[in-house]
Amino acid sequence: MSEKKNDNKILVIMILNKTELLDELLLEFTNVGIDSATVLNSIGMAQQLSSLEDTHIISTIRPFITSDHSENKMIFTIVDESQVETIRKVVNDVIGDLSNPDTGVLFAVPTLFTEGFH
């Protein structure tokens, strides 16, 4: 087994609600040297619950969980720790302030090891 030690690799995950900006975001990633990412279709809890038939609880909270988007995109990339701030800047430049509703979520976690990563 050819296992690489962490070497300060970070898994960055973006849950993108503004899916219309996906291509622009990925192009900007390549412009700053992030040349590998995985994109998955996803659906958030709010979207899933809003599709349920009306029950008392769901009908009460539906106004708070309704979104303009029926799906999200999840972007995964493993980068050197030194690239994390660059990714944050690109995301904020392309997507805007993530504290605004219905934009997205960005977070990062350290990796214990990587395999198959070049």
C-alpha atoms as a PDB file:
ATOM      1  CA  MET A   1       0.000   0.000   0.000  1.00  0.00           C
ATOM      2  CA  SER A   2       1.539   3.301  -1.039  1.00  0.00           C
ATOM      3  CA  GLU A   3       0.131   5.659   1.523  1.00  0.00           C
ATOM      4  CA  LYS A   4       1.240   9.253   1.728  1.00  0.00           C
ATOM      5  CA  LYS A   5       1.383  11.027   5.028  1.00  0.00           C
ATOM      6  CA  ASN A   6      -0.786  14.091   5.453  1.00  0.00           C
ATOM      7  CA  ASP A   7       1.846  16.628   4.334  1.00  0.00           C
ATOM      8  CA  ASN A   8      -0.633  19.355   5.366  1.00  0.00           C
ATOM      9  CA  LYS A   9      -3.312  18.378   2.843  1.00  0.00           C
ATOM     10  CA  ILE A  10      -6.748  19.846   3.441  1.00  0.00           C
ATOM     11  CA  LEU A  11     -10.114  18.659   2.127  1.00  0.00           C
ATOM     12  CA  VAL A  12     -12.131  21.714   1.098  1.00  0.00           C
ATOM     13  CA  ILE A  13     -15.869  21.237   0.634  1.00  0.00           C
ATOM     14  CA  MET A  14     -18.204  23.755  -0.971  1.00  0.00           C
ATOM     15  CA  ILE A  15     -21.971  23.291  -0.956  1.00  0.00           C
ATOM     16  CA  LEU A  16     -23.063  25.612  -3.718  1.00  0.00           C
ATOM     17  CA  ASN A  17     -26.654  26.814  -3.794  1.00  0.00           C
ATOM     18  CA  LYS A  18     -26.035  29.236  -6.657  1.00  0.00           C
ATOM     19  CA  THR A  19     -25.508  26.405  -9.135  1.00  0.00           C
ATOM     20  CA  GLU A  20     -25.598  28.838 -12.063  1.00  0.00           C
ATOM     21  CA  LEU A  21     -22.133  29.997 -10.901  1.00  0.00           C
ATOM     22  CA  LEU A  22     -20.561  26.523 -10.896  1.00  0.00           C
ATOM     23  CA  ASP A  23     -18.672  26.834 -14.192  1.00  0.00           C
ATOM     24  CA  GLU A  24     -17.363  30.291 -13.350  1.00  0.00           C
ATOM     25  CA  LEU A  25     -16.212  29.075  -9.936  1.00  0.00           C
ATOM     26  CA  LEU A  26     -14.397  26.051 -11.377  1.00  0.00           C
ATOM     27  CA  LEU A  27     -12.727  28.191 -14.044  1.00  0.00           C
ATOM     28  CA  GLU A  28     -11.492  30.590 -11.369  1.00  0.00           C
ATOM     29  CA  PHE A  29     -10.167  27.628  -9.382  1.00  0.00           C
ATOM     30  CA  THR A  30      -8.084  26.594 -12.395  1.00  0.00           C
ATOM     31  CA  ASN A  31      -6.854  30.179 -12.799  1.00  0.00           C
ATOM     32  CA  VAL A  32      -5.357  30.056  -9.294  1.00  0.00           C
ATOM     33  CA  GLY A  33      -3.840  26.589  -9.654  1.00  0.00           C
ATOM     34  CA  ILE A  34      -6.616  24.389  -8.259  1.00  0.00           C
ATOM     35  CA  ASP A  35      -6.819  21.892 -11.092  1.00  0.00           C
ATOM     36  CA  SER A  36      -8.640  18.982  -9.505  1.00  0.00           C
ATOM     37  CA  ALA A  37     -12.071  18.802  -7.911  1.00  0.00           C
ATOM     38  CA  THR A  38     -15.066  16.495  -7.765  1.00  0.00           C
ATOM     39  CA  VAL A  39     -18.573  17.862  -8.249  1.00  0.00           C
ATOM     40  CA  LEU A  40     -21.663  15.990  -7.045  1.00  0.00           C
ATOM     41  CA  ASN A  41     -25.347  16.800  -7.285  1.00  0.00           C
ATOM     42  CA  SER A  42     -26.962  17.096  -3.883  1.00  0.00           C
ATOM     43  CA  ILE A  43     -30.161  18.146  -2.240  1.00  0.00           C
ATOM     44  CA  GLY A  44     -30.358  19.911   1.071  1.00  0.00           C
ATOM     45  CA  MET A  45     -32.559  19.045   3.994  1.00  0.00           C
ATOM     46  CA  ALA A  46     -34.705  22.115   3.379  1.00  0.00           C
ATOM     47  CA  GLN A  47     -35.373  21.138  -0.231  1.00  0.00           C
ATOM     48  CA  GLN A  48     -36.165  17.554   0.723  1.00  0.00           C
ATOM     49  CA  LEU A  49     -38.528  18.513   3.543  1.00  0.00           C
ATOM     50  CA  SER A  50     -40.298  21.109   1.432  1.00  0.00           C
ATOM     51  CA  SER A  51     -41.312  18.346  -0.978  1.00  0.00           C
ATOM     52  CA  LEU A  52     -43.136  16.367   1.724  1.00  0.00           C
ATOM     53  CA  GLU A  53     -46.876  16.393   1.879  1.00  0.00           C
ATOM     54  CA  ASP A  54     -48.269  18.941   4.277  1.00  0.00           C
ATOM     55  CA  THR A  55     -48.211  17.956   7.884  1.00  0.00           C
ATOM     56  CA  HIS A  56     -48.713  20.361  10.726  1.00  0.00           C
ATOM     57  CA  ILE A  57     -44.994  20.712  11.439  1.00  0.00           C
ATOM     58  CA  ILE A  58     -43.890  20.944   7.820  1.00  0.00           C
ATOM     59  CA  SER A  59     -46.578  23.465   6.892  1.00  0.00           C
ATOM     60  CA  THR A  60     -45.542  25.586   9.867  1.00  0.00           C
ATOM     61  CA  ILE A  61     -41.852  25.706   8.899  1.00  0.00           C
ATOM     62  CA  ARG A  62     -42.207  25.607   5.079  1.00  0.00           C
ATOM     63  CA  PRO A  63     -41.870  29.415   4.714  1.00  0.00           C
ATOM     64  CA  PHE A  64     -38.494  29.198   6.450  1.00  0.00           C
ATOM     65  CA  ILE A  65     -37.118  26.310   4.388  1.00  0.00           C
ATOM     66  CA  THR A  66     -38.252  27.220   0.913  1.00  0.00           C
ATOM     67  CA  SER A  67     -35.363  27.850  -1.453  1.00  0.00           C
ATOM     68  CA  ASP A  68     -35.121  29.119  -5.013  1.00  0.00           C
ATOM     69  CA  HIS A  69     -32.943  26.109  -5.831  1.00  0.00           C
ATOM     70  CA  SER A  70     -34.131  22.532  -6.164  1.00  0.00           C
ATOM     71  CA  GLU A  71     -30.617  21.125  -5.894  1.00  0.00           C
ATOM     72  CA  ASN A  72     -27.109  22.040  -4.838  1.00  0.00           C
ATOM     73  CA  LYS A  73     -23.665  21.158  -6.092  1.00  0.00           C
ATOM     74  CA  MET A  74     -21.027  19.806  -3.731  1.00  0.00           C
ATOM     75  CA  ILE A  75     -17.448  20.506  -4.719  1.00  0.00           C
ATOM     76  CA  PHE A  76     -14.648  18.519  -3.093  1.00  0.00           C
ATOM     77  CA  THR A  77     -10.970  19.300  -3.548  1.00  0.00           C
ATOM     78  CA  ILE A  78      -7.826  18.294  -1.681  1.00  0.00           C
ATOM     79  CA  VAL A  79      -5.235  21.046  -1.560  1.00  0.00           C
ATOM     80  CA  ASP A  80      -2.116  22.092   0.267  1.00  0.00           C
ATOM     81  CA  GLU A  81      -2.887  24.024   3.416  1.00  0.00           C
ATOM     82  CA  SER A  82      -1.304  27.090   1.821  1.00  0.00           C
ATOM     83  CA  GLN A  83      -4.064  27.144  -0.856  1.00  0.00           C
ATOM     84  CA  VAL A  84      -7.034  27.323   1.521  1.00  0.00           C
ATOM     85  CA  GLU A  85      -7.093  31.123   1.773  1.00  0.00           C
ATOM     86  CA  THR A  86      -6.858  31.388  -2.016  1.00  0.00           C
ATOM     87  CA  ILE A  87      -9.933  29.163  -2.344  1.00  0.00           C
ATOM     88  CA  ARG A  88     -11.807  31.265   0.212  1.00  0.00           C
ATOM     89  CA  LYS A  89     -11.010  34.413  -1.749  1.00  0.00           C
ATOM     90  CA  VAL A  90     -12.077  32.893  -5.071  1.00  0.00           C
ATOM     91  CA  VAL A  91     -15.346  31.621  -3.586  1.00  0.00           C
ATOM     92  CA  ASN A  92     -16.166  35.009  -2.092  1.00  0.00           C
ATOM     93  CA  ASP A  93     -15.218  36.834  -5.306  1.00  0.00           C
ATOM     94  CA  VAL A  94     -17.383  34.579  -7.499  1.00  0.00           C
ATOM     95  CA  ILE A  95     -20.272  33.667  -5.197  1.00  0.00           C
ATOM     96  CA  GLY A  96     -20.366  36.689  -2.939  1.00  0.00           C
ATOM     97  CA  ASP A  97     -20.756  36.881   0.813  1.00  0.00           C
ATOM     98  CA  LEU A  98     -21.623  33.402   2.069  1.00  0.00           C
ATOM     99  CA  SER A  99     -23.393  34.869   5.081  1.00  0.00           C
ATOM    100  CA  ASN A 100     -26.171  35.897   2.683  1.00  0.00           C
ATOM    101  CA  PRO A 101     -29.003  33.371   2.502  1.00  0.00           C
ATOM    102  CA  ASP A 102     -29.173  30.772  -0.254  1.00  0.00           C
ATOM    103  CA  THR A 103     -25.576  31.186  -1.441  1.00  0.00           C
ATOM    104  CA  GLY A 104     -23.577  28.277  -0.103  1.00  0.00           C
ATOM    105  CA  VAL A 105     -21.414  26.816   2.617  1.00  0.00           C
ATOM    106  CA  LEU A 106     -17.641  26.447   2.568  1.00  0.00           C
ATOM    107  CA  PHE A 107     -15.558  24.475   5.044  1.00  0.00           C
ATOM    108  CA  ALA A 108     -12.291  22.581   5.264  1.00  0.00           C
ATOM    109  CA  VAL A 109     -11.016  19.622   7.241  1.00  0.00           C
ATOM    110  CA  PRO A 110      -7.500  18.217   7.577  1.00  0.00           C
ATOM    111  CA  THR A 111      -6.771  14.842   5.992  1.00  0.00           C
ATOM    112  CA  LEU A 112      -5.081  11.989   7.817  1.00  0.00           C
ATOM    113  CA  PHE A 113      -3.658  10.564   4.600  1.00  0.00           C
ATOM    114  CA  THR A 114      -4.195  10.549   0.862  1.00  0.00           C
ATOM    115  CA  GLU A 115      -4.065   7.725  -1.671  1.00  0.00           C
ATOM    116  CA  GLY A 116      -4.461   8.103  -5.393  1.00  0.00           C
ATOM    117  CA  PHE A 117      -3.845  11.829  -5.082  1.00  0.00           C
ATOM    118  CA  HIS A 118      -1.215  13.378  -7.320  1.00  0.00           C
END
